[in-house]
Amino acid sequence: MPRKHGAYGSVREAILDTAALLFTQCGIHATSLGDIAEAAKLSKGTLYYYYPAKEELVLTIADSCLAYMTDAVLTWADGLSRQEDLRTALLALLHALQADERQARLYIALCGESAVGNLPLRKLMQRRLREWVMLLEVGALKLQDRTSPMLGQQAELFFALLSGCMLQRLAGIGDISEDVMIDAVLGK
């Protein structure tokens, strides 16, 4: 049985939650395993027992965050009805993907870490993006308006704009409206 740690159900849960929080506050690159151990009120030895390398911890947290987003896209695609129009459906997906600000902040931190050369993380994010694009394409095909389905780069553009808009909003440097973003994706 896992050992409880404070308000957490297990030591592993305390490590993951604390690390994710520090990654969003300080950046992944700037957060050390020592910082995580101190913030989680654990010895470095205990932290190293669970995660002997920071890379493993980053990938575990990334997998969880990206799975959260994948679940949101999958739930969106499964819940679509033929009567919905694409614009309304895409707005619903935007809301679903941004509903949890903590996950959104962590996703942006992961994007930044991937951009500065974390190759295992980059590969994981690329794989997940391919899944999201495919799910978006399938969802769009379920809708009534099949004359303009979202395929290929148009579906990728949705996620690129989502990432950029999330970054600007969370950084407080811009706030592009969801309608403008959807118009850009739909080419209107």
N, C-alpha and C. Protein backbone atom coordinates (compact mmCIF):
# COMPACT_ATOMS: atom_id res chain seq x y z
N MET A 1 0.84 -1.18 0.00
CA MET A 1 0.00 0.00 0.00
C MET A 1 0.89 1.24 0.00
N PRO A 2 0.58 2.22 -0.88
CA PRO A 2 1.40 3.44 -0.93
C PRO A 2 1.33 4.23 0.37
N ARG A 3 2.45 4.82 0.72
CA ARG A 3 2.55 5.62 1.94
C ARG A 3 1.96 7.01 1.69
N LYS A 4 1.06 7.45 2.56
CA LYS A 4 0.49 8.80 2.46
C LYS A 4 1.57 9.83 2.77
N HIS A 5 1.38 11.01 2.18
CA HIS A 5 2.31 12.10 2.46
C HIS A 5 1.49 13.38 2.57
N GLY A 6 1.27 13.83 3.79
CA GLY A 6 0.48 15.04 4.01
C GLY A 6 -0.92 14.88 3.44
N ALA A 7 -1.32 15.84 2.64
CA ALA A 7 -2.66 15.82 2.04
C ALA A 7 -2.75 14.88 0.84
N TYR A 8 -1.62 14.32 0.43
CA TYR A 8 -1.58 13.47 -0.75
C TYR A 8 -1.81 12.01 -0.39
N GLY A 9 -2.36 11.28 -1.32
CA GLY A 9 -2.62 9.86 -1.12
C GLY A 9 -1.36 9.01 -1.13
N SER A 10 -0.28 9.54 -1.73
CA SER A 10 0.97 8.80 -1.78
C SER A 10 2.14 9.77 -1.97
N VAL A 11 3.32 9.28 -1.71
CA VAL A 11 4.52 10.07 -1.91
C VAL A 11 4.67 10.41 -3.39
N ARG A 12 4.40 9.44 -4.25
CA ARG A 12 4.51 9.66 -5.70
C ARG A 12 3.57 10.78 -6.14
N GLU A 13 2.35 10.78 -5.61
CA GLU A 13 1.39 11.84 -5.94
C GLU A 13 1.89 13.20 -5.47
N ALA A 14 2.50 13.25 -4.30
CA ALA A 14 3.06 14.51 -3.78
C ALA A 14 4.18 15.01 -4.68
N ILE A 15 5.03 14.10 -5.14
CA ILE A 15 6.14 14.48 -6.02
C ILE A 15 5.60 15.02 -7.33
N LEU A 16 4.68 14.30 -7.95
CA LEU A 16 4.15 14.71 -9.25
C LEU A 16 3.42 16.04 -9.18
N ASP A 17 2.60 16.22 -8.16
CA ASP A 17 1.84 17.46 -8.04
C ASP A 17 2.77 18.64 -7.76
N THR A 18 3.72 18.44 -6.87
CA THR A 18 4.67 19.51 -6.54
C THR A 18 5.53 19.86 -7.74
N ALA A 19 6.02 18.85 -8.45
CA ALA A 19 6.86 19.11 -9.62
C ALA A 19 6.08 19.85 -10.69
N ALA A 20 4.85 19.41 -10.94
CA ALA A 20 4.03 20.08 -11.96
C ALA A 20 3.81 21.54 -11.59
N LEU A 21 3.55 21.81 -10.34
CA LEU A 21 3.35 23.19 -9.89
C LEU A 21 4.63 24.01 -10.08
N LEU A 22 5.76 23.47 -9.68
CA LEU A 22 7.03 24.19 -9.85
C LEU A 22 7.37 24.39 -11.32
N PHE A 23 7.07 23.41 -12.14
CA PHE A 23 7.34 23.54 -13.57
C PHE A 23 6.56 24.70 -14.17
N THR A 24 5.34 24.90 -13.70
CA THR A 24 4.53 26.01 -14.24
C THR A 24 4.93 27.35 -13.63
N GLN A 25 5.47 27.34 -12.43
CA GLN A 25 5.85 28.59 -11.77
C GLN A 25 7.25 29.05 -12.15
N CYS A 26 8.18 28.10 -12.27
CA CYS A 26 9.59 28.46 -12.46
C CYS A 26 10.14 28.04 -13.81
N GLY A 27 9.44 27.17 -14.49
CA GLY A 27 9.95 26.59 -15.73
C GLY A 27 10.57 25.24 -15.44
N ILE A 28 10.51 24.38 -16.41
CA ILE A 28 11.02 23.02 -16.23
C ILE A 28 12.53 23.03 -16.10
N HIS A 29 13.17 23.76 -16.97
CA HIS A 29 14.63 23.80 -17.00
C HIS A 29 15.19 24.37 -15.69
N ALA A 30 14.51 25.33 -15.11
CA ALA A 30 15.01 26.01 -13.92
C ALA A 30 14.66 25.28 -12.62
N THR A 31 13.86 24.23 -12.70
CA THR A 31 13.46 23.49 -11.50
C THR A 31 14.34 22.26 -11.34
N SER A 32 15.00 22.16 -10.20
CA SER A 32 15.86 21.00 -9.94
C SER A 32 15.11 19.96 -9.11
N LEU A 33 15.65 18.75 -9.09
CA LEU A 33 15.07 17.73 -8.23
C LEU A 33 15.16 18.16 -6.76
N GLY A 34 16.22 18.87 -6.40
CA GLY A 34 16.34 19.39 -5.04
C GLY A 34 15.23 20.38 -4.71
N ASP A 35 14.87 21.23 -5.67
CA ASP A 35 13.77 22.18 -5.47
C ASP A 35 12.46 21.43 -5.22
N ILE A 36 12.25 20.38 -5.99
CA ILE A 36 11.02 19.59 -5.86
C ILE A 36 10.98 18.89 -4.51
N ALA A 37 12.10 18.28 -4.11
CA ALA A 37 12.16 17.59 -2.82
C ALA A 37 11.86 18.57 -1.68
N GLU A 38 12.48 19.74 -1.73
CA GLU A 38 12.27 20.74 -0.68
C GLU A 38 10.81 21.19 -0.63
N ALA A 39 10.23 21.50 -1.78
CA ALA A 39 8.84 21.98 -1.82
C ALA A 39 7.86 20.90 -1.40
N ALA A 40 8.18 19.64 -1.70
CA ALA A 40 7.30 18.53 -1.33
C ALA A 40 7.55 18.05 0.10
N LYS A 41 8.53 18.67 0.75
CA LYS A 41 8.90 18.30 2.12
C LYS A 41 9.32 16.83 2.19
N LEU A 42 10.22 16.48 1.25
CA LEU A 42 10.78 15.13 1.18
C LEU A 42 12.29 15.23 1.19
N SER A 43 12.94 14.17 1.59
CA SER A 43 14.40 14.15 1.45
C SER A 43 14.74 13.92 -0.01
N LYS A 44 15.92 14.36 -0.39
CA LYS A 44 16.36 14.12 -1.77
C LYS A 44 16.43 12.62 -2.04
N GLY A 45 16.83 11.86 -1.05
CA GLY A 45 16.91 10.40 -1.21
C GLY A 45 15.56 9.79 -1.54
N THR A 46 14.52 10.27 -0.88
CA THR A 46 13.18 9.75 -1.16
C THR A 46 12.76 10.11 -2.58
N LEU A 47 13.02 11.34 -2.98
CA LEU A 47 12.68 11.76 -4.34
C LEU A 47 13.43 10.92 -5.36
N TYR A 48 14.74 10.74 -5.14
CA TYR A 48 15.56 9.96 -6.08
C TYR A 48 15.14 8.49 -6.11
N TYR A 49 14.59 7.99 -5.02
CA TYR A 49 14.07 6.61 -5.01
C TYR A 49 12.94 6.47 -6.03
N TYR A 50 12.06 7.46 -6.07
CA TYR A 50 10.92 7.41 -7.00
C TYR A 50 11.30 7.86 -8.41
N TYR A 51 12.13 8.87 -8.50
CA TYR A 51 12.53 9.43 -9.80
C TYR A 51 14.03 9.71 -9.77
N PRO A 52 14.84 8.73 -10.16
CA PRO A 52 16.29 8.92 -10.12
C PRO A 52 16.82 9.94 -11.13
N ALA A 53 16.00 10.25 -12.14
CA ALA A 53 16.42 11.23 -13.14
C ALA A 53 15.27 12.21 -13.40
N LYS A 54 15.62 13.46 -13.54
CA LYS A 54 14.61 14.49 -13.80
C LYS A 54 13.85 14.20 -15.09
N GLU A 55 14.54 13.67 -16.09
CA GLU A 55 13.91 13.37 -17.38
C GLU A 55 12.71 12.42 -17.21
N GLU A 56 12.87 11.43 -16.37
CA GLU A 56 11.77 10.48 -16.12
C GLU A 56 10.58 11.19 -15.48
N LEU A 57 10.85 12.07 -14.55
CA LEU A 57 9.80 12.84 -13.89
C LEU A 57 9.09 13.76 -14.88
N VAL A 58 9.85 14.44 -15.72
CA VAL A 58 9.27 15.33 -16.73
C VAL A 58 8.37 14.55 -17.67
N LEU A 59 8.84 13.40 -18.14
CA LEU A 59 8.04 12.60 -19.07
C LEU A 59 6.78 12.02 -18.41
N THR A 60 6.86 11.67 -17.16
CA THR A 60 5.68 11.17 -16.44
C THR A 60 4.63 12.27 -16.33
N ILE A 61 5.06 13.46 -15.96
CA ILE A 61 4.15 14.60 -15.84
C ILE A 61 3.60 14.98 -17.21
N ALA A 62 4.46 14.97 -18.21
CA ALA A 62 4.02 15.31 -19.58
C ALA A 62 2.99 14.30 -20.07
N ASP A 63 3.24 13.05 -19.83
CA ASP A 63 2.29 12.02 -20.28
C ASP A 63 0.93 12.23 -19.64
N SER A 64 0.91 12.58 -18.38
CA SER A 64 -0.35 12.83 -17.68
C SER A 64 -1.07 14.05 -18.24
N CYS A 65 -0.34 15.14 -18.44
CA CYS A 65 -0.93 16.36 -18.98
C CYS A 65 -1.46 16.14 -20.39
N LEU A 66 -0.66 15.49 -21.22
CA LEU A 66 -1.07 15.25 -22.60
C LEU A 66 -2.23 14.26 -22.67
N ALA A 67 -2.27 13.30 -21.75
CA ALA A 67 -3.40 12.37 -21.69
C ALA A 67 -4.67 13.12 -21.32
N TYR A 68 -4.56 14.09 -20.42
CA TYR A 68 -5.71 14.93 -20.06
C TYR A 68 -6.26 15.62 -21.31
N MET A 69 -5.36 16.19 -22.10
CA MET A 69 -5.80 16.89 -23.31
C MET A 69 -6.36 15.91 -24.34
N THR A 70 -5.73 14.75 -24.47
CA THR A 70 -6.23 13.74 -25.39
C THR A 70 -7.64 13.31 -24.99
N ASP A 71 -7.84 13.11 -23.71
CA ASP A 71 -9.18 12.74 -23.22
C ASP A 71 -10.20 13.82 -23.55
N ALA A 72 -9.81 15.08 -23.44
CA ALA A 72 -10.72 16.18 -23.76
C ALA A 72 -11.10 16.16 -25.24
N VAL A 73 -10.13 15.92 -26.12
CA VAL A 73 -10.42 15.87 -27.56
C VAL A 73 -11.26 14.64 -27.88
N LEU A 74 -10.94 13.52 -27.27
CA LEU A 74 -11.71 12.29 -27.51
C LEU A 74 -13.14 12.42 -27.01
N THR A 75 -13.32 12.98 -25.84
CA THR A 75 -14.67 13.20 -25.30
C THR A 75 -15.45 14.14 -26.22
N TRP A 76 -14.79 15.17 -26.71
CA TRP A 76 -15.42 16.10 -27.65
C TRP A 76 -15.87 15.37 -28.90
N ALA A 77 -14.97 14.60 -29.51
CA ALA A 77 -15.30 13.89 -30.75
C ALA A 77 -16.42 12.88 -30.54
N ASP A 78 -16.37 12.16 -29.43
CA ASP A 78 -17.42 11.17 -29.14
C ASP A 78 -18.78 11.82 -28.92
N GLY A 79 -18.79 13.01 -28.36
CA GLY A 79 -20.04 13.67 -28.01
C GLY A 79 -20.68 14.48 -29.13
N LEU A 80 -20.03 14.55 -30.28
CA LEU A 80 -20.58 15.35 -31.38
C LEU A 80 -21.82 14.69 -31.97
N SER A 81 -22.75 15.54 -32.35
CA SER A 81 -23.94 15.03 -33.05
C SER A 81 -23.94 15.61 -34.46
N ARG A 82 -24.53 14.91 -35.36
CA ARG A 82 -24.55 15.30 -36.77
C ARG A 82 -25.16 16.68 -36.98
N GLN A 83 -26.03 17.12 -36.08
CA GLN A 83 -26.74 18.39 -36.25
C GLN A 83 -25.86 19.60 -35.95
N GLU A 84 -24.76 19.43 -35.24
CA GLU A 84 -23.92 20.57 -34.87
C GLU A 84 -23.17 21.10 -36.08
N ASP A 85 -22.93 22.41 -36.05
CA ASP A 85 -22.08 22.96 -37.10
C ASP A 85 -20.64 22.99 -36.60
N LEU A 86 -19.71 23.06 -37.54
CA LEU A 86 -18.29 22.97 -37.23
C LEU A 86 -17.83 24.10 -36.31
N ARG A 87 -18.28 25.30 -36.56
CA ARG A 87 -17.87 26.45 -35.76
C ARG A 87 -18.25 26.25 -34.28
N THR A 88 -19.49 25.87 -34.02
CA THR A 88 -19.95 25.64 -32.65
C THR A 88 -19.17 24.51 -32.00
N ALA A 89 -18.92 23.47 -32.77
CA ALA A 89 -18.18 22.33 -32.24
C ALA A 89 -16.75 22.72 -31.89
N LEU A 90 -16.10 23.51 -32.74
CA LEU A 90 -14.73 23.93 -32.45
C LEU A 90 -14.65 24.85 -31.24
N LEU A 91 -15.64 25.70 -31.07
CA LEU A 91 -15.69 26.55 -29.87
C LEU A 91 -15.81 25.69 -28.61
N ALA A 92 -16.61 24.64 -28.69
CA ALA A 92 -16.76 23.72 -27.54
C ALA A 92 -15.43 23.03 -27.24
N LEU A 93 -14.71 22.66 -28.28
CA LEU A 93 -13.41 22.02 -28.07
C LEU A 93 -12.42 23.00 -27.44
N LEU A 94 -12.42 24.23 -27.90
CA LEU A 94 -11.56 25.25 -27.29
C LEU A 94 -11.83 25.38 -25.80
N HIS A 95 -13.10 25.44 -25.45
CA HIS A 95 -13.47 25.57 -24.03
C HIS A 95 -13.00 24.35 -23.24
N ALA A 96 -13.18 23.17 -23.81
CA ALA A 96 -12.78 21.95 -23.10
C ALA A 96 -11.27 21.91 -22.87
N LEU A 97 -10.50 22.32 -23.86
CA LEU A 97 -9.05 22.26 -23.74
C LEU A 97 -8.48 23.33 -22.82
N GLN A 98 -9.23 24.38 -22.57
CA GLN A 98 -8.75 25.46 -21.70
C GLN A 98 -9.46 25.50 -20.36
N ALA A 99 -10.31 24.51 -20.09
CA ALA A 99 -11.14 24.53 -18.88
C ALA A 99 -10.31 24.47 -17.60
N ASP A 100 -9.23 23.73 -17.61
CA ASP A 100 -8.39 23.59 -16.43
C ASP A 100 -7.12 24.44 -16.63
N GLU A 101 -7.07 25.59 -15.99
CA GLU A 101 -5.95 26.51 -16.19
C GLU A 101 -4.63 25.90 -15.78
N ARG A 102 -4.64 25.09 -14.76
CA ARG A 102 -3.39 24.46 -14.31
C ARG A 102 -2.83 23.54 -15.40
N GLN A 103 -3.71 22.76 -16.02
CA GLN A 103 -3.28 21.89 -17.12
C GLN A 103 -2.80 22.72 -18.31
N ALA A 104 -3.49 23.83 -18.59
CA ALA A 104 -3.09 24.70 -19.69
C ALA A 104 -1.70 25.28 -19.43
N ARG A 105 -1.45 25.73 -18.21
CA ARG A 105 -0.14 26.28 -17.86
C ARG A 105 0.95 25.20 -17.99
N LEU A 106 0.65 24.01 -17.54
CA LEU A 106 1.62 22.93 -17.63
C LEU A 106 1.89 22.58 -19.09
N TYR A 107 0.86 22.57 -19.92
CA TYR A 107 1.03 22.29 -21.34
C TYR A 107 1.96 23.33 -21.98
N ILE A 108 1.78 24.58 -21.65
CA ILE A 108 2.63 25.64 -22.21
C ILE A 108 4.07 25.46 -21.72
N ALA A 109 4.26 25.10 -20.46
CA ALA A 109 5.61 24.85 -19.94
C ALA A 109 6.26 23.68 -20.68
N LEU A 110 5.47 22.66 -20.97
CA LEU A 110 5.98 21.50 -21.70
C LEU A 110 6.35 21.88 -23.14
N CYS A 111 5.56 22.72 -23.76
CA CYS A 111 5.88 23.21 -25.10
C CYS A 111 7.22 23.93 -25.09
N GLY A 112 7.42 24.79 -24.10
CA GLY A 112 8.68 25.52 -23.98
C GLY A 112 9.86 24.59 -23.79
N GLU A 113 9.72 23.60 -22.95
CA GLU A 113 10.80 22.64 -22.71
C GLU A 113 11.11 21.85 -23.98
N SER A 114 10.07 21.49 -24.69
CA SER A 114 10.25 20.78 -25.95
C SER A 114 10.98 21.66 -26.96
N ALA A 115 10.66 22.94 -26.97
CA ALA A 115 11.27 23.88 -27.93
C ALA A 115 12.76 24.10 -27.66
N VAL A 116 13.20 23.96 -26.41
CA VAL A 116 14.61 24.20 -26.11
C VAL A 116 15.45 22.93 -26.22
N GLY A 117 14.87 21.87 -26.75
CA GLY A 117 15.70 20.72 -27.10
C GLY A 117 15.50 19.45 -26.33
N ASN A 118 14.46 19.32 -25.53
CA ASN A 118 14.21 18.06 -24.84
C ASN A 118 13.60 17.09 -25.85
N LEU A 119 14.46 16.28 -26.48
CA LEU A 119 14.03 15.43 -27.59
C LEU A 119 13.02 14.35 -27.19
N PRO A 120 13.19 13.64 -26.06
CA PRO A 120 12.16 12.65 -25.69
C PRO A 120 10.79 13.31 -25.47
N LEU A 121 10.79 14.47 -24.85
CA LEU A 121 9.54 15.20 -24.65
C LEU A 121 8.96 15.64 -25.99
N ARG A 122 9.81 16.14 -26.86
CA ARG A 122 9.35 16.58 -28.18
C ARG A 122 8.69 15.43 -28.94
N LYS A 123 9.30 14.25 -28.89
CA LYS A 123 8.72 13.09 -29.58
C LYS A 123 7.37 12.71 -28.99
N LEU A 124 7.26 12.76 -27.67
CA LEU A 124 5.98 12.47 -27.02
C LEU A 124 4.92 13.48 -27.45
N MET A 125 5.29 14.75 -27.47
CA MET A 125 4.34 15.79 -27.85
C MET A 125 3.95 15.68 -29.32
N GLN A 126 4.89 15.34 -30.17
CA GLN A 126 4.58 15.15 -31.60
C GLN A 126 3.59 14.00 -31.79
N ARG A 127 3.81 12.91 -31.05
CA ARG A 127 2.90 11.76 -31.15
C ARG A 127 1.50 12.13 -30.70
N ARG A 128 1.41 12.85 -29.60
CA ARG A 128 0.10 13.27 -29.09
C ARG A 128 -0.58 14.24 -30.05
N LEU A 129 0.18 15.16 -30.64
CA LEU A 129 -0.40 16.10 -31.59
C LEU A 129 -0.99 15.35 -32.78
N ARG A 130 -0.31 14.32 -33.26
CA ARG A 130 -0.85 13.53 -34.36
C ARG A 130 -2.19 12.89 -33.96
N GLU A 131 -2.26 12.41 -32.73
CA GLU A 131 -3.53 11.84 -32.23
C GLU A 131 -4.63 12.90 -32.21
N TRP A 132 -4.31 14.08 -31.70
CA TRP A 132 -5.30 15.14 -31.60
C TRP A 132 -5.79 15.56 -32.98
N VAL A 133 -4.87 15.68 -33.93
CA VAL A 133 -5.24 16.06 -35.30
C VAL A 133 -6.19 15.02 -35.88
N MET A 134 -5.85 13.74 -35.70
CA MET A 134 -6.71 12.68 -36.22
C MET A 134 -8.10 12.73 -35.57
N LEU A 135 -8.14 12.92 -34.26
CA LEU A 135 -9.43 12.99 -33.57
C LEU A 135 -10.24 14.20 -34.03
N LEU A 136 -9.57 15.31 -34.26
CA LEU A 136 -10.26 16.50 -34.76
C LEU A 136 -10.82 16.24 -36.16
N GLU A 137 -10.04 15.61 -37.00
CA GLU A 137 -10.51 15.28 -38.35
C GLU A 137 -11.72 14.35 -38.30
N VAL A 138 -11.66 13.32 -37.47
CA VAL A 138 -12.77 12.38 -37.34
C VAL A 138 -14.01 13.09 -36.81
N GLY A 139 -13.82 13.93 -35.79
CA GLY A 139 -14.94 14.68 -35.25
C GLY A 139 -15.58 15.59 -36.29
N ALA A 140 -14.76 16.28 -37.04
CA ALA A 140 -15.30 17.19 -38.07
C ALA A 140 -16.07 16.42 -39.14
N LEU A 141 -15.63 15.22 -39.44
CA LEU A 141 -16.33 14.41 -40.45
C LEU A 141 -17.69 13.92 -39.96
N LYS A 142 -17.87 13.88 -38.66
CA LYS A 142 -19.16 13.45 -38.09
C LYS A 142 -20.24 14.51 -38.25
N LEU A 143 -19.83 15.74 -38.49
CA LEU A 143 -20.78 16.85 -38.49
C LEU A 143 -21.52 16.97 -39.81
N GLN A 144 -22.60 17.71 -39.77
CA GLN A 144 -23.49 17.89 -40.90
C GLN A 144 -22.80 18.52 -42.10
N ASP A 145 -22.00 19.52 -41.89
CA ASP A 145 -21.36 20.26 -42.98
C ASP A 145 -20.08 19.55 -43.41
N ARG A 146 -20.21 18.59 -44.28
CA ARG A 146 -19.05 17.83 -44.75
C ARG A 146 -18.38 18.48 -45.95
N THR A 147 -18.90 19.61 -46.39
CA THR A 147 -18.31 20.28 -47.55
C THR A 147 -16.98 20.93 -47.19
N SER A 148 -16.78 21.21 -45.93
CA SER A 148 -15.51 21.83 -45.52
C SER A 148 -14.97 21.14 -44.27
N PRO A 149 -14.62 19.85 -44.38
CA PRO A 149 -14.07 19.18 -43.20
C PRO A 149 -12.70 19.73 -42.85
N MET A 150 -12.32 19.57 -41.60
CA MET A 150 -10.99 20.02 -41.16
C MET A 150 -10.04 18.86 -41.36
N LEU A 151 -9.15 19.01 -42.31
CA LEU A 151 -8.22 17.94 -42.60
C LEU A 151 -6.78 18.46 -42.61
N GLY A 152 -5.86 17.58 -42.26
CA GLY A 152 -4.44 17.87 -42.38
C GLY A 152 -3.99 19.13 -41.69
N GLN A 153 -3.41 20.04 -42.47
CA GLN A 153 -2.81 21.23 -41.89
C GLN A 153 -3.83 22.15 -41.26
N GLN A 154 -5.05 22.13 -41.73
CA GLN A 154 -6.08 22.96 -41.12
C GLN A 154 -6.34 22.49 -39.68
N ALA A 155 -6.36 21.17 -39.47
CA ALA A 155 -6.53 20.63 -38.12
C ALA A 155 -5.29 20.94 -37.27
N GLU A 156 -4.10 20.85 -37.87
CA GLU A 156 -2.88 21.21 -37.14
C GLU A 156 -2.88 22.69 -36.76
N LEU A 157 -3.39 23.52 -37.66
CA LEU A 157 -3.47 24.96 -37.40
C LEU A 157 -4.32 25.24 -36.16
N PHE A 158 -5.39 24.48 -35.98
CA PHE A 158 -6.24 24.65 -34.80
C PHE A 158 -5.39 24.53 -33.53
N PHE A 159 -4.57 23.48 -33.46
CA PHE A 159 -3.77 23.26 -32.25
C PHE A 159 -2.61 24.25 -32.13
N ALA A 160 -2.06 24.68 -33.26
CA ALA A 160 -1.01 25.69 -33.21
C ALA A 160 -1.56 27.01 -32.68
N LEU A 161 -2.72 27.40 -33.19
CA LEU A 161 -3.34 28.64 -32.72
C LEU A 161 -3.77 28.52 -31.26
N LEU A 162 -4.28 27.36 -30.89
CA LEU A 162 -4.66 27.13 -29.49
C LEU A 162 -3.44 27.35 -28.58
N SER A 163 -2.32 26.74 -28.93
CA SER A 163 -1.11 26.87 -28.11
C SER A 163 -0.66 28.33 -28.02
N GLY A 164 -0.63 29.01 -29.16
CA GLY A 164 -0.21 30.41 -29.16
C GLY A 164 -1.15 31.31 -28.38
N CYS A 165 -2.43 31.11 -28.56
CA CYS A 165 -3.42 31.93 -27.84
C CYS A 165 -3.38 31.65 -26.34
N MET A 166 -3.21 30.36 -25.97
CA MET A 166 -3.10 30.02 -24.55
C MET A 166 -1.87 30.69 -23.95
N LEU A 167 -0.74 30.63 -24.66
CA LEU A 167 0.49 31.24 -24.18
C LEU A 167 0.30 32.74 -23.97
N GLN A 168 -0.25 33.41 -24.95
CA GLN A 168 -0.44 34.86 -24.82
C GLN A 168 -1.39 35.21 -23.68
N ARG A 169 -2.49 34.45 -23.56
CA ARG A 169 -3.46 34.74 -22.50
C ARG A 169 -2.85 34.50 -21.13
N LEU A 170 -2.18 33.35 -20.96
CA LEU A 170 -1.60 33.02 -19.66
C LEU A 170 -0.44 33.94 -19.29
N ALA A 171 0.27 34.44 -20.30
CA ALA A 171 1.39 35.36 -20.05
C ALA A 171 0.92 36.80 -19.86
N GLY A 172 -0.36 37.04 -20.15
CA GLY A 172 -0.90 38.38 -20.00
C GLY A 172 -0.43 39.34 -21.09
N ILE A 173 -0.06 38.82 -22.24
CA ILE A 173 0.45 39.69 -23.32
C ILE A 173 -0.51 39.78 -24.50
N GLY A 174 -1.63 39.14 -24.41
CA GLY A 174 -2.62 39.20 -25.49
C GLY A 174 -3.83 38.37 -25.12
N ASP A 175 -4.90 38.62 -25.81
CA ASP A 175 -6.12 37.86 -25.54
C ASP A 175 -6.96 37.84 -26.82
N ILE A 176 -6.54 37.02 -27.75
CA ILE A 176 -7.26 36.88 -29.02
C ILE A 176 -8.57 36.16 -28.73
N SER A 177 -9.65 36.69 -29.26
CA SER A 177 -10.95 36.07 -28.99
C SER A 177 -11.05 34.71 -29.67
N GLU A 178 -11.85 33.86 -29.08
CA GLU A 178 -12.06 32.53 -29.64
C GLU A 178 -12.67 32.61 -31.02
N ASP A 179 -13.55 33.59 -31.25
CA ASP A 179 -14.18 33.74 -32.56
C ASP A 179 -13.13 34.07 -33.63
N VAL A 180 -12.18 34.94 -33.31
CA VAL A 180 -11.13 35.29 -34.26
C VAL A 180 -10.28 34.06 -34.57
N MET A 181 -9.97 33.28 -33.54
CA MET A 181 -9.17 32.08 -33.74
C MET A 181 -9.91 31.09 -34.65
N ILE A 182 -11.17 30.85 -34.38
CA ILE A 182 -11.95 29.91 -35.20
C ILE A 182 -12.06 30.42 -36.62
N ASP A 183 -12.27 31.73 -36.81
CA ASP A 183 -12.31 32.29 -38.16
C ASP A 183 -11.00 32.03 -38.90
N ALA A 184 -9.88 32.18 -38.21
CA ALA A 184 -8.58 31.93 -38.84
C ALA A 184 -8.45 30.47 -39.27
N VAL A 185 -8.88 29.57 -38.41
CA VAL A 185 -8.80 28.14 -38.73
C VAL A 185 -9.70 27.81 -39.90
N LEU A 186 -10.89 28.38 -39.92
CA LEU A 186 -11.85 28.07 -40.96
C LEU A 186 -11.63 28.88 -42.25
N GLY A 187 -10.66 29.80 -42.21
CA GLY A 187 -10.33 30.59 -43.38
C GLY A 187 -11.37 31.64 -43.71
N LYS A 188 -11.97 32.22 -42.70
CA LYS A 188 -13.00 33.24 -42.91
C LYS A 188 -12.51 34.60 -42.56
